Amino acid sequence: MALSTYAELKTGIANWLNRTDLTDEIADDFIKLTEADFNAKLRIRAMEQIDSITIDSETETVPTGFIAVRSFYILSSSVKYPLEYITPANMFEIRGGSRTGKPRAYTIESDDETETVPSGLISVSSF
């Protein structure tokens, strides 16, 4: 069955579930929940964006719309220096090291009780 319109998708859902009493609101909910599930699990090139962060303190706020890090590096004089991801626990252990030089590692920590990454902080450290 080819689905070329939103109405056909809703009809296809009702047919697949073998339900004649499926309302538009319920079909809309199925579609919204499926989209949310796909968006939480899938990573495609169209979701990527490049953001620049000026590191001028130990922590920086993640960019708007942040989901995950693909790569993180320091750009200095047109040379890329990749940063290594380490866990928040490991970052805590090495804090207090050097405050000079280029950062070598980063971690991501949440700053709220729900542990949602988009409101988190990026911590960087030189060691």
N, C-alpha and C. Protein backbone atom coordinates (compact mmCIF):
# COMPACT_ATOMS: atom_id res chain seq x y z
N MET A 1 0.85 -1.18 0.00
CA MET A 1 0.00 0.00 0.00
C MET A 1 0.89 1.24 0.00
N ALA A 2 0.73 2.06 -1.01
CA ALA A 2 1.49 3.31 -1.08
C ALA A 2 0.76 4.38 -0.28
N LEU A 3 1.51 5.06 0.57
CA LEU A 3 0.94 6.13 1.38
C LEU A 3 1.51 7.45 0.90
N SER A 4 0.68 8.24 0.25
CA SER A 4 1.19 9.50 -0.30
C SER A 4 0.60 10.72 0.38
N THR A 5 -0.39 10.53 1.24
CA THR A 5 -0.98 11.66 1.96
C THR A 5 -1.11 11.31 3.43
N TYR A 6 -1.30 12.33 4.23
CA TYR A 6 -1.50 12.14 5.67
C TYR A 6 -2.78 11.35 5.92
N ALA A 7 -3.84 11.63 5.16
CA ALA A 7 -5.11 10.91 5.31
C ALA A 7 -4.94 9.43 5.00
N GLU A 8 -4.14 9.11 3.97
CA GLU A 8 -3.88 7.71 3.64
C GLU A 8 -3.09 7.02 4.74
N LEU A 9 -2.18 7.76 5.37
CA LEU A 9 -1.43 7.19 6.49
C LEU A 9 -2.36 6.84 7.64
N LYS A 10 -3.27 7.73 7.98
CA LYS A 10 -4.22 7.46 9.05
C LYS A 10 -5.13 6.28 8.70
N THR A 11 -5.56 6.19 7.46
CA THR A 11 -6.37 5.06 7.03
C THR A 11 -5.56 3.77 7.10
N GLY A 12 -4.30 3.84 6.69
CA GLY A 12 -3.42 2.67 6.77
C GLY A 12 -3.23 2.19 8.19
N ILE A 13 -3.11 3.11 9.14
CA ILE A 13 -2.98 2.74 10.56
C ILE A 13 -4.23 2.01 11.02
N ALA A 14 -5.39 2.57 10.70
CA ALA A 14 -6.65 1.94 11.10
C ALA A 14 -6.79 0.56 10.48
N ASN A 15 -6.42 0.42 9.21
CA ASN A 15 -6.50 -0.88 8.54
C ASN A 15 -5.53 -1.89 9.15
N TRP A 16 -4.31 -1.45 9.43
CA TRP A 16 -3.30 -2.35 9.97
C TRP A 16 -3.70 -2.84 11.36
N LEU A 17 -4.30 -1.95 12.15
CA LEU A 17 -4.75 -2.32 13.50
C LEU A 17 -6.10 -3.05 13.47
N ASN A 18 -6.70 -3.12 12.27
CA ASN A 18 -8.01 -3.75 12.11
C ASN A 18 -9.04 -3.11 13.03
N ARG A 19 -9.06 -1.76 13.01
CA ARG A 19 -9.97 -1.00 13.86
C ARG A 19 -10.84 -0.10 13.00
N THR A 20 -12.14 -0.19 13.18
CA THR A 20 -13.05 0.71 12.47
C THR A 20 -13.43 1.90 13.35
N ASP A 21 -13.16 1.81 14.65
CA ASP A 21 -13.54 2.87 15.57
C ASP A 21 -12.39 3.85 15.87
N LEU A 22 -11.32 3.79 15.10
CA LEU A 22 -10.16 4.64 15.33
C LEU A 22 -10.48 6.08 14.91
N THR A 23 -10.43 7.00 15.86
CA THR A 23 -10.73 8.41 15.56
C THR A 23 -9.50 9.10 14.99
N ASP A 24 -9.72 10.27 14.39
CA ASP A 24 -8.61 11.06 13.86
C ASP A 24 -7.62 11.44 14.96
N GLU A 25 -8.14 11.74 16.15
CA GLU A 25 -7.26 12.14 17.27
C GLU A 25 -6.34 10.99 17.68
N ILE A 26 -6.88 9.78 17.72
CA ILE A 26 -6.07 8.62 18.11
C ILE A 26 -5.02 8.34 17.03
N ALA A 27 -5.41 8.41 15.76
CA ALA A 27 -4.45 8.20 14.67
C ALA A 27 -3.38 9.28 14.71
N ASP A 28 -3.77 10.53 14.97
CA ASP A 28 -2.78 11.61 15.09
C ASP A 28 -1.80 11.33 16.24
N ASP A 29 -2.33 10.81 17.36
CA ASP A 29 -1.46 10.46 18.50
C ASP A 29 -0.48 9.37 18.12
N PHE A 30 -0.94 8.33 17.41
CA PHE A 30 -0.04 7.27 16.96
C PHE A 30 1.10 7.86 16.12
N ILE A 31 0.75 8.74 15.21
CA ILE A 31 1.75 9.33 14.31
C ILE A 31 2.73 10.20 15.10
N LYS A 32 2.23 11.02 16.02
CA LYS A 32 3.11 11.88 16.83
C LYS A 32 4.04 11.04 17.71
N LEU A 33 3.51 9.98 18.32
CA LEU A 33 4.35 9.12 19.16
C LEU A 33 5.42 8.41 18.33
N THR A 34 5.05 7.96 17.14
CA THR A 34 6.02 7.30 16.27
C THR A 34 7.10 8.27 15.83
N GLU A 35 6.71 9.50 15.46
CA GLU A 35 7.70 10.51 15.08
C GLU A 35 8.65 10.81 16.23
N ALA A 36 8.12 10.92 17.45
CA ALA A 36 8.96 11.18 18.61
C ALA A 36 9.94 10.03 18.84
N ASP A 37 9.46 8.79 18.67
CA ASP A 37 10.32 7.63 18.83
C ASP A 37 11.43 7.62 17.78
N PHE A 38 11.06 7.88 16.53
CA PHE A 38 12.06 7.95 15.46
C PHE A 38 13.09 9.03 15.74
N ASN A 39 12.63 10.21 16.14
CA ASN A 39 13.54 11.33 16.40
C ASN A 39 14.47 11.05 17.57
N ALA A 40 14.02 10.25 18.53
CA ALA A 40 14.87 9.91 19.67
C ALA A 40 15.93 8.87 19.32
N LYS A 41 15.65 8.01 18.32
CA LYS A 41 16.55 6.91 18.01
C LYS A 41 17.40 7.13 16.75
N LEU A 42 16.84 7.79 15.77
CA LEU A 42 17.53 7.93 14.49
C LEU A 42 18.45 9.14 14.48
N ARG A 43 19.56 8.99 13.80
CA ARG A 43 20.48 10.11 13.57
C ARG A 43 20.80 10.10 12.09
N ILE A 44 20.36 11.15 11.41
CA ILE A 44 20.63 11.26 9.99
C ILE A 44 21.33 12.58 9.72
N ARG A 45 21.96 12.67 8.58
CA ARG A 45 22.74 13.85 8.23
C ARG A 45 21.92 15.14 8.28
N ALA A 46 20.64 15.06 7.92
CA ALA A 46 19.79 16.25 7.92
C ALA A 46 19.59 16.81 9.33
N MET A 47 19.84 16.01 10.36
CA MET A 47 19.70 16.47 11.74
C MET A 47 20.96 17.15 12.25
N GLU A 48 22.05 17.06 11.51
CA GLU A 48 23.32 17.61 11.97
C GLU A 48 23.39 19.10 11.73
N GLN A 49 24.09 19.76 12.63
CA GLN A 49 24.40 21.16 12.44
C GLN A 49 25.76 21.42 13.07
N ILE A 50 26.42 22.44 12.58
CA ILE A 50 27.72 22.81 13.11
C ILE A 50 27.53 24.05 13.98
N ASP A 51 28.01 23.97 15.20
CA ASP A 51 27.93 25.09 16.12
C ASP A 51 29.32 25.43 16.63
N SER A 52 29.55 26.69 16.84
CA SER A 52 30.81 27.14 17.43
C SER A 52 30.54 27.56 18.86
N ILE A 53 31.42 27.15 19.75
CA ILE A 53 31.33 27.51 21.16
C ILE A 53 32.64 28.20 21.53
N THR A 54 32.54 29.35 22.12
CA THR A 54 33.74 30.01 22.63
C THR A 54 33.97 29.51 24.05
N ILE A 55 35.07 28.81 24.24
CA ILE A 55 35.39 28.26 25.55
C ILE A 55 36.15 29.32 26.33
N ASP A 56 35.45 29.94 27.28
CA ASP A 56 36.09 30.97 28.09
C ASP A 56 35.90 30.72 29.58
N SER A 57 35.42 29.51 29.91
CA SER A 57 35.30 29.11 31.30
C SER A 57 35.32 27.58 31.36
N GLU A 58 35.22 27.05 32.56
CA GLU A 58 35.28 25.60 32.73
C GLU A 58 34.07 24.89 32.12
N THR A 59 32.91 25.55 32.11
CA THR A 59 31.71 24.96 31.53
C THR A 59 31.09 25.92 30.53
N GLU A 60 30.42 25.36 29.55
CA GLU A 60 29.70 26.14 28.55
C GLU A 60 28.33 25.48 28.35
N THR A 61 27.34 26.26 28.01
CA THR A 61 25.99 25.75 27.76
C THR A 61 25.94 25.11 26.38
N VAL A 62 25.22 24.01 26.28
CA VAL A 62 25.09 23.35 24.98
C VAL A 62 24.24 24.21 24.04
N PRO A 63 24.47 24.10 22.73
CA PRO A 63 23.70 24.90 21.77
C PRO A 63 22.21 24.52 21.75
N THR A 64 21.39 25.42 21.31
CA THR A 64 19.96 25.17 21.17
C THR A 64 19.73 24.02 20.19
N GLY A 65 18.83 23.12 20.55
CA GLY A 65 18.53 21.98 19.70
C GLY A 65 19.52 20.84 19.81
N PHE A 66 20.41 20.90 20.77
CA PHE A 66 21.45 19.89 20.95
C PHE A 66 20.86 18.52 21.25
N ILE A 67 21.35 17.49 20.55
CA ILE A 67 20.95 16.11 20.80
C ILE A 67 22.16 15.29 21.24
N ALA A 68 23.24 15.38 20.50
CA ALA A 68 24.44 14.60 20.80
C ALA A 68 25.63 15.22 20.08
N VAL A 69 26.82 14.81 20.50
CA VAL A 69 28.05 15.27 19.87
C VAL A 69 28.49 14.24 18.85
N ARG A 70 28.77 14.69 17.64
CA ARG A 70 29.36 13.80 16.64
C ARG A 70 30.87 13.94 16.70
N SER A 71 31.35 15.17 16.72
CA SER A 71 32.77 15.43 16.93
C SER A 71 32.90 16.78 17.61
N PHE A 72 33.95 16.92 18.39
CA PHE A 72 34.17 18.13 19.15
C PHE A 72 35.66 18.41 19.09
N TYR A 73 36.01 19.58 18.62
CA TYR A 73 37.43 19.90 18.49
C TYR A 73 37.66 21.39 18.73
N ILE A 74 38.91 21.71 19.02
CA ILE A 74 39.36 23.08 19.16
C ILE A 74 39.95 23.49 17.81
N LEU A 75 39.54 24.64 17.32
CA LEU A 75 40.10 25.16 16.07
C LEU A 75 41.03 26.30 16.43
N SER A 76 42.30 26.11 16.14
CA SER A 76 43.31 27.12 16.46
C SER A 76 44.21 27.30 15.25
N SER A 77 44.22 28.50 14.71
CA SER A 77 45.04 28.80 13.53
C SER A 77 44.77 27.81 12.40
N SER A 78 43.50 27.54 12.13
CA SER A 78 43.05 26.63 11.08
C SER A 78 43.47 25.18 11.29
N VAL A 79 43.90 24.82 12.49
CA VAL A 79 44.26 23.44 12.82
C VAL A 79 43.22 22.92 13.81
N LYS A 80 42.69 21.72 13.53
CA LYS A 80 41.71 21.09 14.40
C LYS A 80 42.41 20.20 15.42
N TYR A 81 42.11 20.41 16.70
CA TYR A 81 42.61 19.57 17.78
C TYR A 81 41.39 18.86 18.39
N PRO A 82 41.25 17.55 18.12
CA PRO A 82 40.07 16.84 18.63
C PRO A 82 40.08 16.73 20.15
N LEU A 83 38.89 16.83 20.74
CA LEU A 83 38.74 16.63 22.18
C LEU A 83 38.23 15.21 22.41
N GLU A 84 38.70 14.60 23.47
CA GLU A 84 38.32 13.24 23.83
C GLU A 84 37.16 13.30 24.81
N TYR A 85 36.12 12.48 24.58
CA TYR A 85 35.02 12.40 25.52
C TYR A 85 35.45 11.56 26.72
N ILE A 86 35.17 12.06 27.91
CA ILE A 86 35.35 11.28 29.13
C ILE A 86 34.07 11.40 29.96
N THR A 87 33.83 10.45 30.82
CA THR A 87 32.61 10.46 31.62
C THR A 87 32.65 11.61 32.63
N PRO A 88 31.48 12.05 33.11
CA PRO A 88 31.47 13.09 34.14
C PRO A 88 32.28 12.70 35.38
N ALA A 89 32.24 11.42 35.76
CA ALA A 89 33.01 10.97 36.93
C ALA A 89 34.51 11.14 36.69
N ASN A 90 34.97 10.77 35.49
CA ASN A 90 36.39 10.95 35.17
C ASN A 90 36.77 12.42 35.10
N MET A 91 35.86 13.26 34.59
CA MET A 91 36.13 14.69 34.53
C MET A 91 36.30 15.25 35.94
N PHE A 92 35.45 14.79 36.86
CA PHE A 92 35.53 15.24 38.24
C PHE A 92 36.89 14.87 38.85
N GLU A 93 37.40 13.70 38.50
CA GLU A 93 38.69 13.25 39.04
C GLU A 93 39.86 14.09 38.55
N ILE A 94 39.80 14.58 37.31
CA ILE A 94 40.94 15.32 36.78
C ILE A 94 40.83 16.83 36.96
N ARG A 95 39.68 17.32 37.44
CA ARG A 95 39.55 18.76 37.67
C ARG A 95 40.62 19.21 38.65
N GLY A 96 41.05 20.41 38.46
CA GLY A 96 42.10 20.92 39.33
C GLY A 96 43.47 20.73 38.71
N GLY A 97 43.48 20.17 37.50
CA GLY A 97 44.72 20.02 36.76
C GLY A 97 45.12 21.37 36.18
N SER A 98 45.70 21.34 35.06
CA SER A 98 46.19 22.56 34.42
C SER A 98 45.03 23.45 33.97
N ARG A 99 45.17 24.73 34.17
CA ARG A 99 44.20 25.70 33.66
C ARG A 99 44.79 26.48 32.50
N THR A 100 45.90 26.01 31.99
CA THR A 100 46.54 26.66 30.85
C THR A 100 46.60 25.67 29.70
N GLY A 101 46.86 26.15 28.54
CA GLY A 101 46.97 25.28 27.38
C GLY A 101 45.61 24.99 26.77
N LYS A 102 45.60 24.13 25.77
CA LYS A 102 44.37 23.76 25.09
C LYS A 102 43.65 22.64 25.84
N PRO A 103 42.32 22.71 25.90
CA PRO A 103 41.58 21.59 26.50
C PRO A 103 41.83 20.32 25.70
N ARG A 104 41.83 19.18 26.39
CA ARG A 104 42.04 17.89 25.72
C ARG A 104 40.85 16.96 25.85
N ALA A 105 39.94 17.26 26.77
CA ALA A 105 38.81 16.36 27.00
C ALA A 105 37.56 17.17 27.28
N TYR A 106 36.42 16.52 27.07
CA TYR A 106 35.14 17.16 27.39
C TYR A 106 34.20 16.11 27.94
N THR A 107 33.17 16.57 28.64
CA THR A 107 32.08 15.71 29.07
C THR A 107 30.81 16.53 28.99
N ILE A 108 29.68 15.87 29.11
CA ILE A 108 28.40 16.55 29.10
C ILE A 108 27.65 16.17 30.36
N GLU A 109 27.20 17.19 31.08
CA GLU A 109 26.48 16.99 32.32
C GLU A 109 25.15 17.72 32.24
N SER A 110 24.14 17.15 32.85
CA SER A 110 22.84 17.81 32.91
C SER A 110 22.84 18.77 34.10
N ASP A 111 22.09 19.86 33.94
CA ASP A 111 21.99 20.80 35.05
C ASP A 111 20.58 20.83 35.63
N ASP A 112 19.78 19.80 35.36
CA ASP A 112 18.45 19.73 35.95
C ASP A 112 18.17 18.33 36.46
N GLU A 113 17.10 18.21 37.22
CA GLU A 113 16.80 16.94 37.87
C GLU A 113 16.27 15.87 36.92
N THR A 114 15.85 16.25 35.72
CA THR A 114 15.33 15.24 34.79
C THR A 114 16.42 14.63 33.93
N GLU A 115 17.66 15.12 34.07
CA GLU A 115 18.80 14.59 33.33
C GLU A 115 18.62 14.70 31.83
N THR A 116 17.99 15.75 31.36
CA THR A 116 17.85 15.95 29.93
C THR A 116 19.08 16.65 29.40
N VAL A 117 19.69 16.09 28.38
CA VAL A 117 20.93 16.64 27.84
C VAL A 117 20.77 18.04 27.25
N PRO A 118 19.67 18.36 26.53
CA PRO A 118 19.62 19.67 25.91
C PRO A 118 19.74 20.86 26.86
N SER A 119 19.56 20.65 28.15
CA SER A 119 19.75 21.77 29.06
C SER A 119 21.08 21.64 29.81
N GLY A 120 21.94 20.78 29.34
CA GLY A 120 23.17 20.46 30.05
C GLY A 120 24.29 21.43 29.80
N LEU A 121 25.44 21.05 30.31
CA LEU A 121 26.65 21.84 30.19
C LEU A 121 27.74 20.98 29.58
N ILE A 122 28.58 21.62 28.81
CA ILE A 122 29.78 20.96 28.31
C ILE A 122 30.92 21.40 29.20
N SER A 123 31.61 20.47 29.79
CA SER A 123 32.78 20.79 30.61
C SER A 123 34.02 20.43 29.81
N VAL A 124 35.01 21.30 29.86
CA VAL A 124 36.26 21.02 29.16
C VAL A 124 37.41 21.08 30.15
N SER A 125 38.44 20.32 29.88
CA SER A 125 39.55 20.28 30.81
C SER A 125 40.87 20.06 30.08
N SER A 126 41.89 20.75 30.57
CA SER A 126 43.27 20.50 30.14
C SER A 126 43.91 19.63 31.20
N PHE A 127 44.71 18.67 30.78
CA PHE A 127 45.45 17.85 31.75
C PHE A 127 46.73 17.36 31.15
